Each structure stands twice: as structure tokens, then as C-alpha cells.
């Protein structure tokens, strides 16, 4: 894989999750690790990892 600086990385089993900055409403990403799961590569899970967008409740 070629990164933005042009360096070539050779990292086996690497999966990238992009977290966007400055969103309205404010959000954060919740990551979960469950070693008993083996989810296929998807939009919200990969192997033992899963993630979801969480909205910040501003009062």
C-alpha cells in the first residue's frame, strides 16, 4: 500500500478506518473488540473489531 507521502508499507492484516474531523452534529467513533467474533470485512466490522458513530448530546 502506498501512503500519501509515497512510502511503501508492507503490513499484513492491516485494515484502515477513516475518522472524519469537524462534523456537525459532533460525533465520535466507538470501537469494540470481541475476541470470540470473526466478522467479515464490512462497513462497521472486521474480524474481532466493530465500530459505530456516536452522536454527542449537547444540552
N, C-alpha and C. Protein backbone atom coordinates (compact mmCIF):
# COMPACT_ATOMS: atom_id res chain seq x y z
N UNK A 1 0.85 -1.17 0.00
CA UNK A 1 0.00 0.00 0.00
C UNK A 1 0.90 1.23 0.00
N UNK A 2 0.54 2.24 -0.77
CA UNK A 2 1.30 3.47 -0.85
C UNK A 2 0.61 4.53 0.00
N UNK A 3 1.32 5.11 0.95
CA UNK A 3 0.72 6.15 1.78
C UNK A 3 0.84 7.51 1.09
N UNK A 4 0.20 8.57 1.63
CA UNK A 4 0.23 9.87 0.96
C UNK A 4 1.64 10.42 0.76
N UNK A 5 2.59 10.07 1.63
CA UNK A 5 3.95 10.58 1.48
C UNK A 5 4.75 9.78 0.46
N UNK A 6 4.16 8.71 -0.09
CA UNK A 6 4.82 7.91 -1.10
C UNK A 6 5.64 6.76 -0.55
N UNK A 7 5.56 6.50 0.75
CA UNK A 7 6.29 5.39 1.35
C UNK A 7 5.50 4.11 1.17
N UNK A 8 6.18 3.03 0.84
CA UNK A 8 5.52 1.75 0.63
C UNK A 8 5.51 0.96 1.94
N UNK A 9 4.33 0.62 2.44
CA UNK A 9 4.19 -0.18 3.65
C UNK A 9 3.83 -1.61 3.26
N UNK A 10 4.41 -2.58 3.94
CA UNK A 10 4.07 -3.97 3.74
C UNK A 10 3.62 -4.51 5.10
N UNK A 11 2.36 -4.26 5.45
CA UNK A 11 1.83 -4.64 6.75
C UNK A 11 0.71 -5.67 6.54
N UNK A 12 0.95 -6.94 6.90
CA UNK A 12 -0.10 -7.95 6.72
C UNK A 12 -1.27 -7.72 7.68
N UNK A 13 -2.46 -8.06 7.23
CA UNK A 13 -3.68 -7.97 8.05
C UNK A 13 -3.97 -6.55 8.54
N UNK A 14 -3.62 -5.56 7.75
CA UNK A 14 -3.87 -4.16 8.13
C UNK A 14 -5.21 -3.72 7.56
N UNK A 15 -6.01 -3.04 8.38
CA UNK A 15 -7.31 -2.53 7.95
C UNK A 15 -7.40 -1.08 8.40
N UNK A 16 -7.80 -0.20 7.51
CA UNK A 16 -7.84 1.23 7.82
C UNK A 16 -9.27 1.67 8.08
N UNK A 17 -9.44 2.47 9.13
CA UNK A 17 -10.71 3.11 9.45
C UNK A 17 -10.48 4.61 9.38
N UNK A 18 -11.27 5.29 8.58
CA UNK A 18 -11.13 6.74 8.43
C UNK A 18 -12.13 7.41 9.36
N UNK A 19 -11.63 8.32 10.20
CA UNK A 19 -12.48 9.08 11.10
C UNK A 19 -12.41 10.53 10.65
N UNK A 20 -13.53 11.07 10.22
CA UNK A 20 -13.57 12.43 9.72
C UNK A 20 -13.57 13.43 10.88
N UNK A 21 -12.92 14.54 10.69
CA UNK A 21 -12.91 15.59 11.70
C UNK A 21 -14.00 16.61 11.44
N UNK A 22 -14.28 17.41 12.40
CA UNK A 22 -15.24 18.51 12.32
C UNK A 22 -16.55 18.11 11.63
N UNK A 23 -17.39 17.45 12.37
CA UNK A 23 -18.72 17.12 11.85
C UNK A 23 -19.77 17.84 12.68
N UNK A 24 -20.87 18.13 12.06
CA UNK A 24 -21.99 18.74 12.76
C UNK A 24 -23.20 17.87 12.49
N UNK A 25 -23.85 17.31 13.49
CA UNK A 25 -23.56 17.46 14.92
C UNK A 25 -22.27 16.72 15.30
N UNK A 26 -21.74 17.07 16.49
CA UNK A 26 -20.50 16.45 16.96
C UNK A 26 -20.69 14.94 17.11
N UNK A 27 -19.68 14.17 16.68
CA UNK A 27 -19.73 12.71 16.74
C UNK A 27 -18.38 12.17 17.18
N UNK A 28 -18.39 10.93 17.63
CA UNK A 28 -17.16 10.22 17.95
C UNK A 28 -17.35 8.78 17.51
N UNK A 29 -16.25 8.04 17.40
CA UNK A 29 -16.31 6.65 16.94
C UNK A 29 -16.10 5.71 18.11
N UNK A 30 -17.04 4.80 18.33
CA UNK A 30 -16.95 3.80 19.40
C UNK A 30 -16.39 2.51 18.80
N UNK A 31 -15.25 2.06 19.33
CA UNK A 31 -14.62 0.82 18.89
C UNK A 31 -14.88 -0.27 19.91
N UNK A 32 -15.16 -1.47 19.43
CA UNK A 32 -15.41 -2.62 20.30
C UNK A 32 -14.52 -3.78 19.83
N UNK A 33 -13.98 -4.50 20.80
CA UNK A 33 -13.16 -5.68 20.50
C UNK A 33 -13.78 -6.87 21.21
N UNK A 34 -14.14 -7.90 20.43
CA UNK A 34 -14.70 -9.13 21.00
C UNK A 34 -13.91 -10.30 20.40
N UNK A 35 -12.97 -10.89 21.18
CA UNK A 35 -12.12 -11.95 20.63
C UNK A 35 -12.88 -13.21 20.21
N UNK A 36 -14.15 -13.33 20.58
CA UNK A 36 -14.93 -14.52 20.20
C UNK A 36 -15.59 -14.35 18.83
N UNK A 37 -15.53 -13.14 18.24
CA UNK A 37 -16.17 -12.89 16.95
C UNK A 37 -15.14 -12.87 15.83
N UNK A 38 -15.60 -13.19 14.64
CA UNK A 38 -14.76 -13.13 13.44
C UNK A 38 -15.61 -12.62 12.29
N UNK A 39 -15.96 -11.34 12.34
CA UNK A 39 -16.84 -10.73 11.34
C UNK A 39 -16.11 -10.59 10.01
N UNK A 40 -16.83 -10.73 8.89
CA UNK A 40 -16.21 -10.47 7.59
C UNK A 40 -15.93 -8.98 7.44
N UNK A 41 -15.08 -8.64 6.49
CA UNK A 41 -14.75 -7.24 6.23
C UNK A 41 -16.02 -6.50 5.81
N UNK A 42 -16.41 -5.48 6.56
CA UNK A 42 -17.63 -4.73 6.25
C UNK A 42 -17.49 -3.27 6.60
N UNK A 43 -18.60 -2.54 6.49
CA UNK A 43 -18.58 -1.11 6.78
C UNK A 43 -18.48 -0.80 8.26
N UNK A 44 -18.84 -1.76 9.13
CA UNK A 44 -18.81 -1.48 10.57
C UNK A 44 -18.19 -2.60 11.40
N UNK A 45 -17.49 -3.53 10.75
CA UNK A 45 -16.86 -4.62 11.49
C UNK A 45 -15.77 -5.28 10.64
N UNK A 46 -14.82 -5.88 11.33
CA UNK A 46 -13.73 -6.61 10.68
C UNK A 46 -13.10 -7.52 11.72
N UNK A 47 -13.17 -8.82 11.52
CA UNK A 47 -12.61 -9.76 12.49
C UNK A 47 -13.23 -9.57 13.86
N UNK A 48 -12.42 -9.40 14.90
CA UNK A 48 -12.96 -9.21 16.25
C UNK A 48 -13.33 -7.75 16.56
N UNK A 49 -13.14 -6.84 15.59
CA UNK A 49 -13.37 -5.42 15.80
C UNK A 49 -14.70 -4.97 15.20
N UNK A 50 -15.36 -4.05 15.88
CA UNK A 50 -16.54 -3.39 15.32
C UNK A 50 -16.51 -1.94 15.77
N UNK A 51 -17.23 -1.08 15.05
CA UNK A 51 -17.25 0.34 15.37
C UNK A 51 -18.57 0.94 14.94
N UNK A 52 -18.91 2.05 15.58
CA UNK A 52 -20.14 2.76 15.24
C UNK A 52 -19.96 4.23 15.56
N UNK A 53 -20.68 5.07 14.81
CA UNK A 53 -20.65 6.51 15.04
C UNK A 53 -21.60 6.84 16.19
N UNK A 54 -21.13 7.67 17.11
CA UNK A 54 -21.93 8.06 18.26
C UNK A 54 -22.08 9.58 18.24
N UNK A 55 -23.31 10.04 18.38
CA UNK A 55 -23.56 11.49 18.40
C UNK A 55 -23.44 12.01 19.83
N UNK A 56 -22.86 13.18 19.98
CA UNK A 56 -22.71 13.82 21.28
C UNK A 56 -23.99 14.59 21.58
N UNK A 57 -24.57 14.33 22.76
CA UNK A 57 -25.77 15.04 23.18
C UNK A 57 -25.35 16.35 23.84
N UNK A 58 -25.63 17.46 23.18
CA UNK A 58 -25.32 18.77 23.75
C UNK A 58 -26.55 19.33 24.43
N UNK A 59 -26.44 19.61 25.70
CA UNK A 59 -27.58 20.12 26.47
C UNK A 59 -27.45 21.59 26.72
